[in-house]
Amino acid sequence: MQDEDAINVDLLKKMMMGGFSSDSSGFVPKKDKTSRQKAKRNVEIDLHFDVVFPQEGSTPHNKRLPMQLEVLQEFIADSKKNSVTIAYIIVGKGEGKLKSMVSSELTRQKIRHSLVADPPYFGNAFKISF
């Protein structure tokens, strides 16, 4: 390069920081508020007993599963009431009793469901569709 073709360092910095756009008017349109409202977060419930009932640690193990299933039924009813189309139910690893009972309950209520093998659930959650 010749001296007359030297790059202006300040101009280069502005370009790297996104100071210029392809639109020469300098007008940047505001983001559409409706598009932000349409982006929905994942609706999920974690059925781990210590998460759902943090104060009930002394509950006998044979009474925990019915309590967790009752929470599941309330979650399903609330999801339907609020027109949720997709939700996630975290069941965890454990012995698999909760996972099988949740699957049975979803089948009984004729709710489409599948295990989610992808992160962050790694097969320890159901994806349900209403």
Protein backbone atom coordinates (compact mmCIF):
# COMPACT_ATOMS: atom_id res chain seq x y z
CA MET A 1 0.00 0.00 0.00
CA GLN A 2 1.07 3.52 -0.62
CA ASP A 3 0.99 6.31 1.97
CA GLU A 4 -1.91 8.01 0.23
CA ASP A 5 -4.03 4.82 0.62
CA ALA A 6 -3.44 4.58 4.39
CA ILE A 7 -6.41 3.39 6.43
CA ASN A 8 -7.92 5.84 8.89
CA VAL A 9 -7.72 4.01 12.24
CA ASP A 10 -10.66 5.90 13.77
CA LEU A 11 -12.85 5.06 10.78
CA LEU A 12 -11.85 1.40 11.04
CA LYS A 13 -12.75 1.32 14.74
CA LYS A 14 -16.21 2.79 13.99
CA MET A 15 -16.78 0.19 11.30
CA MET A 16 -15.76 -2.66 13.61
CA MET A 17 -18.07 -1.42 16.36
CA GLY A 18 -21.04 -1.30 13.97
CA GLY A 19 -21.12 2.47 13.66
CA PHE A 20 -22.16 2.27 10.01
CA SER A 21 -24.99 0.47 8.32
CA SER A 22 -25.98 -0.21 4.73
CA ASP A 23 -28.77 2.35 5.11
CA SER A 24 -27.24 5.75 4.48
CA SER A 25 -30.17 7.67 6.01
CA GLY A 26 -28.97 7.02 9.55
CA PHE A 27 -32.53 6.12 10.57
CA VAL A 28 -32.82 3.01 12.70
CA PRO A 29 -36.41 1.74 13.00
CA LYS A 30 -37.74 0.80 16.41
CA LYS A 31 -38.36 -2.85 17.08
CA ASP A 32 -41.92 -4.00 16.71
CA LYS A 33 -43.49 -4.50 20.14
CA THR A 34 -45.79 -7.24 18.91
CA SER A 35 -42.87 -9.42 17.85
CA ARG A 36 -41.47 -9.28 21.38
CA GLN A 37 -44.82 -10.28 22.84
CA LYS A 38 -45.10 -13.27 20.52
CA ALA A 39 -41.84 -14.76 21.78
CA LYS A 40 -42.98 -17.13 24.51
CA ARG A 41 -40.92 -18.73 27.21
CA ASN A 42 -40.99 -22.42 27.88
CA VAL A 43 -43.73 -23.45 30.27
CA GLU A 44 -42.38 -26.15 32.53
CA ILE A 45 -42.81 -27.76 35.91
CA ASP A 46 -40.19 -29.62 37.91
CA LEU A 47 -41.86 -32.49 39.76
CA HIS A 48 -38.90 -33.26 42.02
CA PHE A 49 -40.46 -33.57 45.45
CA ASP A 50 -38.02 -31.20 47.18
CA VAL A 51 -38.73 -28.55 44.52
CA VAL A 52 -42.53 -28.83 44.62
CA PHE A 53 -42.78 -29.32 48.40
CA PRO A 54 -39.67 -27.79 49.99
CA GLN A 55 -41.19 -27.85 53.50
CA GLU A 56 -42.47 -31.44 53.33
CA GLY A 57 -39.14 -33.29 53.65
CA SER A 58 -40.47 -35.58 56.40
CA THR A 59 -43.33 -36.92 54.24
CA PRO A 60 -43.19 -40.74 53.95
CA HIS A 61 -42.03 -41.98 50.56
CA ASN A 62 -45.27 -43.88 49.88
CA LYS A 63 -47.26 -40.60 50.09
CA ARG A 64 -44.96 -38.51 47.90
CA LEU A 65 -45.95 -39.89 44.50
CA PRO A 66 -49.69 -39.14 44.89
CA MET A 67 -48.82 -35.59 45.94
CA GLN A 68 -46.60 -35.14 42.87
CA LEU A 69 -49.34 -36.50 40.58
CA GLU A 70 -51.83 -34.07 42.09
CA VAL A 71 -49.45 -31.20 41.27
CA LEU A 72 -49.16 -32.57 37.73
CA GLN A 73 -52.93 -32.61 37.30
CA GLU A 74 -53.15 -29.00 38.53
CA PHE A 75 -50.37 -28.00 36.11
CA ILE A 76 -52.20 -29.65 33.19
CA ALA A 77 -55.48 -27.94 34.12
CA ASP A 78 -53.78 -24.53 34.41
CA SER A 79 -51.95 -25.04 31.11
CA LYS A 80 -55.21 -25.85 29.33
CA LYS A 81 -56.94 -22.91 30.99
CA ASN A 82 -54.18 -20.54 29.81
CA SER A 83 -54.14 -21.97 26.26
CA VAL A 84 -50.60 -23.30 26.51
CA THR A 85 -49.75 -25.39 23.46
CA ILE A 86 -46.41 -26.92 24.53
CA ALA A 87 -45.10 -27.55 28.04
CA TYR A 88 -42.34 -29.52 29.71
CA ILE A 89 -42.59 -31.78 32.75
CA ILE A 90 -39.29 -32.48 34.48
CA VAL A 91 -39.30 -35.87 36.20
CA GLY A 92 -35.59 -36.55 36.75
CA LYS A 93 -33.77 -39.87 36.86
CA GLY A 94 -34.45 -41.65 40.14
CA GLU A 95 -35.92 -45.14 40.07
CA GLY A 96 -38.26 -44.30 37.20
CA LYS A 97 -41.50 -44.57 39.19
CA LEU A 98 -42.43 -40.93 38.72
CA LYS A 99 -41.54 -41.07 35.02
CA SER A 100 -43.78 -44.09 34.43
CA MET A 101 -46.65 -42.63 36.47
CA VAL A 102 -46.45 -39.31 34.61
CA SER A 103 -46.46 -41.16 31.27
CA SER A 104 -49.47 -43.20 32.37
CA GLU A 105 -51.35 -40.07 33.49
CA LEU A 106 -50.63 -38.27 30.23
CA THR A 107 -51.78 -41.30 28.25
CA ARG A 108 -54.93 -41.56 30.37
CA GLN A 109 -55.74 -37.90 29.66
CA LYS A 110 -54.95 -38.41 25.96
CA ILE A 111 -52.20 -35.79 25.96
CA ARG A 112 -49.49 -36.19 23.32
CA HIS A 113 -46.12 -36.53 25.00
CA SER A 114 -42.55 -37.62 24.36
CA LEU A 115 -39.30 -37.78 26.28
CA VAL A 116 -36.90 -34.95 25.50
CA ALA A 117 -33.41 -36.31 24.85
CA ASP A 118 -31.87 -32.93 24.01
CA PRO A 119 -30.24 -30.53 26.47
CA PRO A 120 -31.11 -29.24 29.00
CA TYR A 121 -33.38 -32.19 29.86
CA PHE A 122 -31.32 -35.19 28.61
CA GLY A 123 -34.22 -37.65 28.75
CA ASN A 124 -35.42 -36.57 32.18
CA ALA A 125 -38.43 -34.56 31.00
CA PHE A 126 -41.56 -34.95 28.90
CA LYS A 127 -42.62 -32.53 26.20
CA ILE A 128 -46.39 -32.35 26.09
CA SER A 129 -48.61 -30.88 23.38
CA PHE A 130 -52.19 -29.85 23.93
